Amino acid sequence: MSYRVRPDERPETGWSVDAARFRRFSAVNDVFNRSWWDPTVRSDKTERFYESYRRPLEEWRNARGFQRRDYALRNAAWHGADIFAELKEDEDRREGFLDPLTVLREASTDREEFASPAEAAREVKQVALVLGADLVGVAESDERWVYSEVYSRASDGAKPNELDSALDRVIVIGQAMDPSLIATAPSALAGAATGLGYSQDVIVLLSIAQYIRNLGYSAVPSMNDTALAIPYAIKAGLGEYGRHGLVITPEHGANVRFGKIFTDLPLQVDTPIRFGVEEMCNVCRACSDACPSSAIPDGVPSSELHNVSNIIGVKKWSVDGEACFNYWAKINSDCSVCIRVCPYTRPHTGVRHRIWARLASGRLRRLALWWDGRDSRGARVSSKDWWSGSETPVTIGPTRSSGSPNGR
């Protein structure tokens, strides 16, 4: 990769937080959870949406990307994550989505000592990459980004967030999604990339957590549950916040999913980075212009709230979760158009992409944006071409841990 990556010393993970107004977010108000208990979000379409993941639609509409084999692959990709999510539902736990993952062996009672937090972090990152993570960084735990309460599917209400405050380090991992599948968005086929990301995430998070427990430390593996992943990924030095409300990484753009492990293992934390994303998003409207539901803001960062699914007291680009999810329910799959069209979603190998990256991270970013608009990158690929094999899978970038920015 050829971005000009530099440390970011801003204290709020690139967000402007109004301490007087700020309120920790309740997971009960997450738009996916609201689609179960809130009649303003729940509908026949949302119920059909969830049902399509439990039983693939044999026939829905005669449209490419939304046919039986597309749904069959999407649901197969989700199968790994779904197994763990449903494993303890009789205990009011939906692990990985509403509750942390717990399928772990007992921890050792004898703690391994490290020469320093820096050495411990280096070793954990090496292990994480070996166990399948594409990206890995370390952040300090921050109560602001921990859910004030979590959602109980059984009671359709809140239950306590039982995360131990003594777990003061957060290991953040990133899993890159298949770019050839994302290129077909919006489609059920593209939804397979999302499901595969989650299914891989489960195994990687559990494996890393078990490694830490084998060393005598506590480790709580978490996906969508427990805390907001995006601010932690930024704090861990894995990327910058984008207009579409996603983290843009130097290696994979926004085409990545994040998981996290809360631990008491003493680890040196990483520094947030900057490589021109904020400046590029200030002049780029690719995601907001392409968004089928007009859910992405086209103006400047704001503390304006679309609805209760936005966090209070933070000035940033905020997506209208209701509008976004309504479109998902309409098409019976997740969307991912914003990821497909984002200029950073590109292979970061090859001379032309390296040149683009250098332009994008400097004063010639408008030239980079013009160049991106002139080529076919980001154009939707027909699912017919994907199934025929004429759309060759593309490798976006290398794996890494977030060490010194100068080593990127």
Protein backbone atom coordinates (compact mmCIF):
# COMPACT_ATOMS: atom_id res chain seq x y z
CA MET A 1 0.00 0.00 0.00
CA SER A 2 1.18 3.54 -0.63
CA TYR A 3 -0.90 5.80 1.58
CA ARG A 4 0.86 8.46 3.61
CA VAL A 5 -0.04 6.96 6.96
CA ARG A 6 0.67 9.04 10.04
CA PRO A 7 -0.29 8.96 13.74
CA ASP A 8 -3.50 10.68 14.81
CA GLU A 9 -3.26 12.18 18.27
CA ARG A 10 -6.87 13.39 18.44
CA PRO A 11 -8.43 12.03 21.66
CA GLU A 12 -11.91 11.12 20.42
CA THR A 13 -11.14 8.54 17.72
CA GLY A 14 -11.73 11.22 15.09
CA TRP A 15 -15.17 12.06 16.52
CA SER A 16 -16.13 15.23 18.30
CA VAL A 17 -17.78 14.26 21.60
CA ASP A 18 -19.88 16.73 23.57
CA ALA A 19 -19.28 15.55 27.14
CA ALA A 20 -22.29 17.50 28.45
CA ARG A 21 -24.73 15.83 26.04
CA PHE A 22 -23.09 12.45 25.51
CA ARG A 23 -25.04 9.33 26.47
CA ARG A 24 -23.78 5.79 26.24
CA PHE A 25 -25.70 3.80 23.65
CA SER A 26 -28.22 1.16 24.66
CA ALA A 27 -28.15 -1.92 22.44
CA VAL A 28 -31.91 -2.08 22.82
CA ASN A 29 -32.05 0.85 20.39
CA ASP A 30 -29.92 -0.80 17.72
CA VAL A 31 -32.09 -0.81 14.60
CA PHE A 32 -31.83 -4.61 14.22
CA ASN A 33 -33.06 -5.08 17.77
CA ARG A 34 -35.78 -2.50 17.23
CA SER A 35 -36.99 -4.58 14.29
CA TRP A 36 -38.12 -7.12 16.90
CA TRP A 37 -39.76 -4.91 19.52
CA ASP A 38 -40.50 -1.54 17.89
CA PRO A 39 -43.66 -1.45 15.72
CA THR A 40 -42.29 1.58 13.82
CA VAL A 41 -39.53 -0.67 12.44
CA ARG A 42 -40.99 -4.17 12.60
CA SER A 43 -43.17 -5.19 9.66
CA ASP A 44 -44.14 -8.13 7.49
CA LYS A 45 -41.10 -7.26 5.34
CA THR A 46 -38.66 -7.40 8.26
CA GLU A 47 -40.09 -10.77 9.37
CA ARG A 48 -39.73 -12.09 5.83
CA PHE A 49 -36.16 -10.74 5.79
CA TYR A 50 -35.18 -12.75 8.89
CA GLU A 51 -37.10 -15.81 7.73
CA SER A 52 -35.12 -15.82 4.48
CA TYR A 53 -31.96 -16.50 6.51
CA ARG A 54 -33.54 -19.43 8.32
CA ARG A 55 -35.02 -20.95 5.18
CA PRO A 56 -33.61 -19.86 1.79
CA LEU A 57 -36.24 -18.50 -0.54
CA GLU A 58 -36.83 -20.99 -3.32
CA GLU A 59 -38.45 -18.31 -5.39
CA TRP A 60 -38.85 -14.62 -4.68
CA ARG A 61 -38.38 -12.57 -7.78
CA ASN A 62 -36.87 -13.18 -11.18
CA ALA A 63 -33.91 -10.88 -10.68
CA ARG A 64 -30.22 -11.62 -10.97
CA GLY A 65 -28.56 -11.89 -7.59
CA PHE A 66 -31.83 -12.75 -5.84
CA GLN A 67 -32.45 -16.29 -7.04
CA ARG A 68 -32.38 -19.59 -5.22
CA ARG A 69 -28.68 -20.33 -5.63
CA ASP A 70 -27.80 -16.79 -4.47
CA TYR A 71 -29.77 -17.24 -1.25
CA ALA A 72 -28.43 -20.78 -0.86
CA LEU A 73 -24.84 -19.49 -0.90
CA ARG A 74 -25.63 -16.51 1.34
CA ASN A 75 -27.19 -18.71 4.02
CA ALA A 76 -24.41 -21.29 3.76
CA ALA A 77 -21.89 -18.49 4.39
CA TRP A 78 -23.82 -17.46 7.51
CA HIS A 79 -24.04 -21.03 8.81
CA GLY A 80 -20.98 -20.90 11.08
CA ALA A 81 -22.03 -17.68 12.82
CA ASP A 82 -25.62 -18.89 13.08
CA ILE A 83 -24.63 -22.11 14.87
CA PHE A 84 -23.00 -20.16 17.71
CA ALA A 85 -25.77 -17.54 17.77
CA GLU A 86 -28.43 -20.22 18.27
CA LEU A 87 -26.42 -22.49 20.57
CA LYS A 88 -27.70 -20.98 23.85
CA GLU A 89 -30.93 -19.29 22.81
CA ASP A 90 -32.79 -21.29 25.49
CA GLU A 91 -30.65 -19.33 28.00
CA ASP A 92 -31.68 -15.98 26.45
CA ARG A 93 -28.30 -15.65 24.77
CA ARG A 94 -27.68 -14.92 21.12
CA GLU A 95 -23.93 -15.15 21.15
CA GLY A 96 -21.91 -12.91 18.89
CA PHE A 97 -24.85 -10.62 18.18
CA LEU A 98 -26.52 -9.88 21.53
CA ASP A 99 -24.11 -11.57 23.96
CA PRO A 100 -20.37 -12.37 24.03
CA LEU A 101 -19.13 -15.75 22.82
CA THR A 102 -18.64 -18.27 25.64
CA VAL A 103 -17.73 -21.57 23.98
CA LEU A 104 -14.31 -21.67 25.63
CA ARG A 105 -12.32 -24.07 27.77
CA GLU A 106 -11.37 -23.27 31.35
CA ALA A 107 -8.59 -20.73 31.80
CA SER A 108 -5.22 -21.61 33.25
CA THR A 109 -4.63 -20.56 36.85
CA ASP A 110 -0.93 -19.85 36.23
CA ARG A 111 -0.22 -16.59 34.42
CA GLU A 112 2.51 -16.32 31.81
CA GLU A 113 4.75 -13.31 32.41
CA PHE A 114 5.92 -11.12 29.52
CA ALA A 115 9.00 -8.93 29.40
CA SER A 116 6.83 -5.89 28.65
CA PRO A 117 3.38 -4.87 27.39
CA ALA A 118 5.02 -4.18 24.02
CA GLU A 119 6.32 -7.75 23.83
CA ALA A 120 2.95 -9.14 24.86
CA ALA A 121 1.20 -7.09 22.17
CA ARG A 122 3.71 -8.22 19.53
CA GLU A 123 3.14 -11.86 20.41
CA VAL A 124 -0.66 -11.58 20.52
CA LYS A 125 -0.68 -9.90 17.10
CA GLN A 126 1.54 -12.63 15.66
CA VAL A 127 -0.79 -15.29 17.04
CA ALA A 128 -3.90 -13.46 15.82
CA LEU A 129 -2.60 -13.32 12.25
CA VAL A 130 -1.65 -17.01 12.37
CA LEU A 131 -5.14 -17.87 13.64
CA GLY A 132 -6.77 -16.13 10.70
CA ALA A 133 -7.17 -12.42 11.44
CA ASP A 134 -6.49 -10.12 8.49
CA LEU A 135 -5.89 -7.05 10.68
CA VAL A 136 -5.21 -6.70 14.40
CA GLY A 137 -4.66 -3.79 16.78
CA VAL A 138 -4.94 -3.00 20.47
CA ALA A 139 -6.94 -0.24 22.18
CA GLU A 140 -7.53 0.82 25.75
CA SER A 141 -11.01 0.01 27.00
CA ASP A 142 -13.26 3.07 27.02
CA GLU A 143 -16.55 2.97 28.91
CA ARG A 144 -18.13 5.46 26.50
CA TRP A 145 -18.24 2.85 23.74
CA VAL A 146 -19.51 -0.01 25.94
CA TYR A 147 -23.27 -0.51 25.70
CA SER A 148 -25.12 0.90 28.71
CA GLU A 149 -27.37 -2.18 28.50
CA VAL A 150 -27.90 -5.05 26.12
CA TYR A 151 -31.00 -6.49 24.49
CA SER A 152 -32.91 -9.55 25.67
CA ARG A 153 -34.78 -11.29 22.88
CA ALA A 154 -36.77 -13.29 25.46
CA SER A 155 -38.20 -10.24 27.25
CA ASP A 156 -38.05 -7.78 24.33
CA GLY A 157 -36.30 -5.39 26.67
CA ALA A 158 -33.03 -4.54 28.37
CA LYS A 159 -30.77 -6.69 30.48
CA PRO A 160 -27.49 -5.70 32.21
CA ASN A 161 -24.25 -5.54 30.28
CA GLU A 162 -22.07 -7.79 32.42
CA LEU A 163 -18.69 -6.89 30.92
CA ASP A 164 -16.05 -6.84 33.67
CA SER A 165 -14.54 -3.34 33.96
CA ALA A 166 -11.21 -4.93 34.94
CA LEU A 167 -10.76 -6.00 31.31
CA ASP A 168 -8.94 -2.82 30.33
CA ARG A 169 -7.52 -3.84 26.94
CA VAL A 170 -9.38 -4.51 23.70
CA ILE A 171 -7.84 -6.55 20.90
CA VAL A 172 -9.57 -5.59 17.65
CA ILE A 173 -9.41 -7.90 14.66
CA GLY A 174 -10.52 -7.25 11.10
CA GLN A 175 -11.77 -9.82 8.62
CA ALA A 176 -11.69 -8.78 4.97
CA MET A 177 -14.77 -9.67 2.95
CA ASP A 178 -14.67 -11.27 -0.49
CA PRO A 179 -14.41 -8.37 -2.98
CA SER A 180 -15.80 -10.38 -5.90
CA LEU A 181 -19.03 -10.97 -3.95
CA ILE A 182 -19.28 -7.37 -2.72
CA ALA A 183 -18.94 -6.27 -6.36
CA THR A 184 -22.42 -7.72 -7.04
CA ALA A 185 -24.12 -5.53 -4.39
CA PRO A 186 -26.97 -5.10 -3.87
CA SER A 187 -27.77 -8.80 -4.07
CA ALA A 188 -28.25 -11.86 -1.91
CA LEU A 189 -24.99 -13.03 -3.44
CA ALA A 190 -23.19 -10.04 -1.92
CA GLY A 191 -24.76 -10.99 1.40
CA ALA A 192 -22.62 -14.13 1.31
CA ALA A 193 -19.55 -11.94 1.78
CA THR A 194 -21.05 -10.53 4.98
CA GLY A 195 -22.02 -13.94 6.32
CA LEU A 196 -18.64 -15.43 5.57
CA GLY A 197 -16.97 -12.51 7.36
CA TYR A 198 -19.02 -13.18 10.48
CA SER A 199 -18.51 -16.96 10.34
CA GLN A 200 -14.75 -16.55 10.04
CA ASP A 201 -14.84 -13.93 12.79
CA VAL A 202 -16.35 -16.39 15.28
CA ILE A 203 -13.60 -18.97 14.87
CA VAL A 204 -10.77 -16.42 14.90
CA LEU A 205 -12.10 -14.61 17.99
CA LEU A 206 -12.66 -17.84 19.92
CA SER A 207 -9.20 -19.13 19.02
CA ILE A 208 -7.42 -15.93 20.09
CA ALA A 209 -9.45 -15.74 23.29
CA GLN A 210 -8.62 -19.36 24.13
CA TYR A 211 -4.92 -18.67 23.53
CA ILE A 212 -5.06 -15.79 26.04
CA ARG A 213 -6.98 -17.93 28.55
CA ASN A 214 -4.37 -20.67 28.15
CA LEU A 215 -1.81 -18.10 29.34
CA GLY A 216 -3.80 -17.49 32.51
CA TYR A 217 -5.61 -14.26 31.58
CA SER A 218 -9.27 -13.42 31.06
CA ALA A 219 -10.58 -12.96 27.53
CA VAL A 220 -14.12 -12.16 26.36
CA PRO A 221 -14.62 -12.55 22.58
CA SER A 222 -17.23 -10.21 21.12
CA MET A 223 -18.70 -9.44 17.70
CA ASN A 224 -21.73 -7.10 17.47
CA ASP A 225 -22.50 -7.51 21.17
CA THR A 226 -21.23 -5.68 24.27
CA ALA A 227 -19.73 -2.55 22.71
CA LEU A 228 -19.49 -0.44 19.56
CA ALA A 229 -16.85 -1.92 17.26
CA ILE A 230 -16.16 1.13 15.09
CA PRO A 231 -14.65 3.48 17.70
CA TYR A 232 -12.51 0.63 19.03
CA ALA A 233 -11.21 -0.22 15.54
CA ILE A 234 -10.24 3.43 15.09
CA LYS A 235 -8.61 3.61 18.55
CA ALA A 236 -6.66 0.43 17.69
CA GLY A 237 -5.10 2.11 14.66
CA LEU A 238 -6.83 0.00 12.02
CA GLY A 239 -8.39 2.82 9.99
CA GLU A 240 -10.29 6.08 9.78
CA TYR A 241 -14.00 6.86 9.99
CA GLY A 242 -15.78 7.42 6.66
CA ARG A 243 -18.87 9.27 5.49
CA HIS A 244 -20.77 5.97 5.20
CA GLY A 245 -20.35 5.33 8.92
CA LEU A 246 -17.78 2.57 8.39
CA VAL A 247 -14.08 2.27 9.13
CA ILE A 248 -11.87 2.66 6.07
CA THR A 249 -8.62 0.71 6.37
CA PRO A 250 -5.45 1.21 4.29
CA GLU A 251 -5.50 -2.45 3.19
CA HIS A 252 -9.14 -3.24 2.46
CA GLY A 253 -10.98 0.07 2.40
CA ALA A 254 -14.36 -0.37 4.10
CA ASN A 255 -14.60 -3.98 2.92
CA VAL A 256 -13.84 -5.43 6.36
CA ARG A 257 -15.72 -6.63 9.46
CA PHE A 258 -14.45 -6.12 13.00
CA GLY A 259 -14.50 -8.24 16.12
CA LYS A 260 -13.00 -7.56 19.53
CA ILE A 261 -11.64 -9.34 22.59
CA PHE A 262 -11.75 -7.72 26.02
CA THR A 263 -8.86 -8.87 28.20
CA ASP A 264 -6.80 -8.10 31.30
CA LEU A 265 -3.57 -9.17 29.60
CA PRO A 266 -1.25 -6.12 29.86
CA LEU A 267 -0.81 -4.98 26.26
CA GLN A 268 0.73 -1.89 24.72
CA VAL A 269 -2.00 0.03 22.89
CA ASP A 270 -1.75 1.30 19.33
CA THR A 271 -2.10 4.85 18.05
CA PRO A 272 -4.99 5.92 15.80
CA ILE A 273 -3.90 6.75 12.26
CA ARG A 274 -4.68 9.26 9.55
CA PHE A 275 -4.14 8.79 5.82
CA GLY A 276 -6.48 11.33 4.30
CA VAL A 277 -9.87 9.63 4.67
CA GLU A 278 -11.56 12.55 6.43
CA GLU A 279 -10.27 14.97 3.82
CA MET A 280 -11.36 12.67 0.97
CA CYS A 281 -14.83 12.13 2.44
CA ASN A 282 -15.21 15.91 2.72
CA VAL A 283 -15.10 16.14 -1.09
CA CYS A 284 -16.43 12.70 -2.09
CA ARG A 285 -20.10 11.80 -2.26
CA ALA A 286 -19.82 8.37 -3.89
CA CYS A 287 -21.58 6.53 -1.07
CA SER A 288 -24.28 9.12 -0.36
CA ASP A 289 -25.05 9.53 -4.07
CA ALA A 290 -25.30 5.75 -4.63
CA CYS A 291 -27.17 4.83 -1.43
CA PRO A 292 -30.52 3.32 -2.55
CA SER A 293 -32.24 4.47 0.65
CA SER A 294 -30.67 7.96 0.91
CA ALA A 295 -29.51 6.95 4.39
CA ILE A 296 -25.99 8.40 4.14
CA PRO A 297 -25.51 12.13 4.82
CA ASP A 298 -24.16 14.31 2.01
CA GLY A 299 -23.31 17.27 4.25
CA VAL A 300 -20.76 17.96 6.96
CA PRO A 301 -20.45 15.95 10.20
CA SER A 302 -23.28 16.77 12.58
CA SER A 303 -24.68 15.81 15.98
CA GLU A 304 -28.17 15.67 14.44
CA LEU A 305 -30.10 12.52 15.31
CA HIS A 306 -32.12 10.68 12.69
CA ASN A 307 -33.81 8.51 15.34
CA VAL A 308 -33.05 6.65 18.58
CA SER A 309 -30.66 4.34 16.73
CA ASN A 310 -28.07 7.15 16.64
CA ILE A 311 -25.70 7.83 19.53
CA ILE A 312 -26.34 11.06 21.45
CA GLY A 313 -23.69 13.75 21.88
CA VAL A 314 -21.29 12.83 19.08
CA LYS A 315 -20.62 15.03 16.06
CA LYS A 316 -19.91 12.80 13.07
CA TRP A 317 -21.38 11.48 9.83
CA SER A 318 -24.36 9.43 11.03
CA VAL A 319 -26.30 7.01 8.86
CA ASP A 320 -30.09 6.80 9.13
CA GLY A 321 -30.33 3.22 10.34
CA GLU A 322 -34.08 3.02 9.86
CA ALA A 323 -33.90 4.00 6.20
CA CYS A 324 -30.96 1.65 5.63
CA PHE A 325 -32.61 -1.36 7.27
CA ASN A 326 -35.94 -0.70 5.55
CA TYR A 327 -34.14 -1.13 2.23
CA TRP A 328 -32.55 -4.37 3.45
CA ALA A 329 -36.00 -5.68 4.34
CA LYS A 330 -37.30 -4.59 0.94
CA ILE A 331 -34.68 -6.55 -1.02
CA ASN A 332 -34.42 -9.48 1.46
CA SER A 333 -30.68 -9.10 1.97
CA ASP A 334 -28.11 -6.68 3.27
CA CYS A 335 -27.06 -3.98 0.83
CA SER A 336 -23.28 -3.13 0.77
CA VAL A 337 -23.62 -0.64 -2.11
CA CYS A 338 -21.72 1.95 -0.05
CA ILE A 339 -18.79 -0.47 0.31
CA ARG A 340 -18.79 -1.31 -3.40
CA VAL A 341 -18.73 2.29 -4.61
CA CYS A 342 -16.30 3.67 -2.01
CA PRO A 343 -13.08 4.73 -3.81
CA TYR A 344 -11.00 3.00 -1.13
CA THR A 345 -12.53 -0.39 -1.99
CA ARG A 346 -9.89 -1.37 -4.51
CA PRO A 347 -6.92 -3.74 -4.84
CA HIS A 348 -3.97 -2.15 -3.09
CA THR A 349 -1.47 -3.99 -5.26
CA GLY A 350 -0.25 -2.96 -8.69
CA VAL A 351 1.30 0.31 -9.78
CA ARG A 352 -1.88 2.18 -10.74
CA HIS A 353 -3.56 1.50 -7.39
CA ARG A 354 -0.43 2.50 -5.50
CA ILE A 355 -0.31 5.76 -7.42
CA TRP A 356 -3.99 6.35 -6.66
CA ALA A 357 -3.38 5.75 -2.96
CA ARG A 358 -0.58 8.32 -2.87
CA LEU A 359 -2.77 10.87 -4.59
CA ALA A 360 -5.71 10.13 -2.28
CA SER A 361 -3.68 10.70 0.87
CA GLY A 362 -2.31 14.08 -0.20
CA ARG A 363 -3.33 17.39 -1.70
CA LEU A 364 -4.14 15.80 -5.06
CA ARG A 365 -7.08 13.84 -3.65
CA ARG A 366 -9.51 15.57 -6.03
CA LEU A 367 -7.44 14.26 -8.92
CA ALA A 368 -7.62 10.78 -7.34
CA LEU A 369 -11.38 11.14 -7.05
CA TRP A 370 -11.68 12.23 -10.70
CA TRP A 371 -9.50 9.29 -11.74
CA ASP A 372 -11.65 6.87 -9.74
CA GLY A 373 -14.75 8.19 -11.47
CA ARG A 374 -13.19 7.67 -14.91
CA ASP A 375 -12.47 3.95 -14.59
CA SER A 376 -14.85 1.05 -13.95
CA ARG A 377 -13.82 0.41 -10.37
CA GLY A 378 -16.92 0.24 -8.20
CA ALA A 379 -19.27 -0.66 -11.05
CA ARG A 380 -21.80 -3.35 -10.20
CA VAL A 381 -20.90 -6.83 -11.44
CA SER A 382 -23.71 -9.06 -12.66
CA SER A 383 -24.29 -12.15 -10.53
CA LYS A 384 -24.51 -14.05 -13.81
CA ASP A 385 -20.88 -13.16 -14.49
CA TRP A 386 -19.91 -14.18 -10.94
CA TRP A 387 -21.57 -17.59 -11.25
CA SER A 388 -20.07 -18.17 -14.69
CA GLY A 389 -16.61 -17.52 -13.29
CA SER A 390 -15.94 -14.60 -15.63
CA GLU A 391 -15.62 -12.27 -12.64
CA THR A 392 -12.19 -13.19 -11.27
CA PRO A 393 -11.88 -12.89 -7.47
CA VAL A 394 -9.60 -10.00 -6.52
CA THR A 395 -7.22 -9.85 -3.57
CA ILE A 396 -7.58 -6.44 -1.94
CA GLY A 397 -4.46 -6.28 0.19
CA PRO A 398 -2.08 -7.89 2.69
CA THR A 399 -2.66 -8.79 6.31
CA ARG A 400 -1.02 -6.84 9.08
CA SER A 401 -1.06 -5.83 12.71
CA SER A 402 -1.20 -2.20 13.73
CA GLY A 403 2.32 -1.56 14.91
CA SER A 404 4.27 1.57 14.16
CA PRO A 405 2.62 3.63 11.40
CA ASN A 406 6.04 3.95 9.80
CA GLY A 407 6.08 0.21 9.30
CA ARG A 408 2.93 0.08 7.19
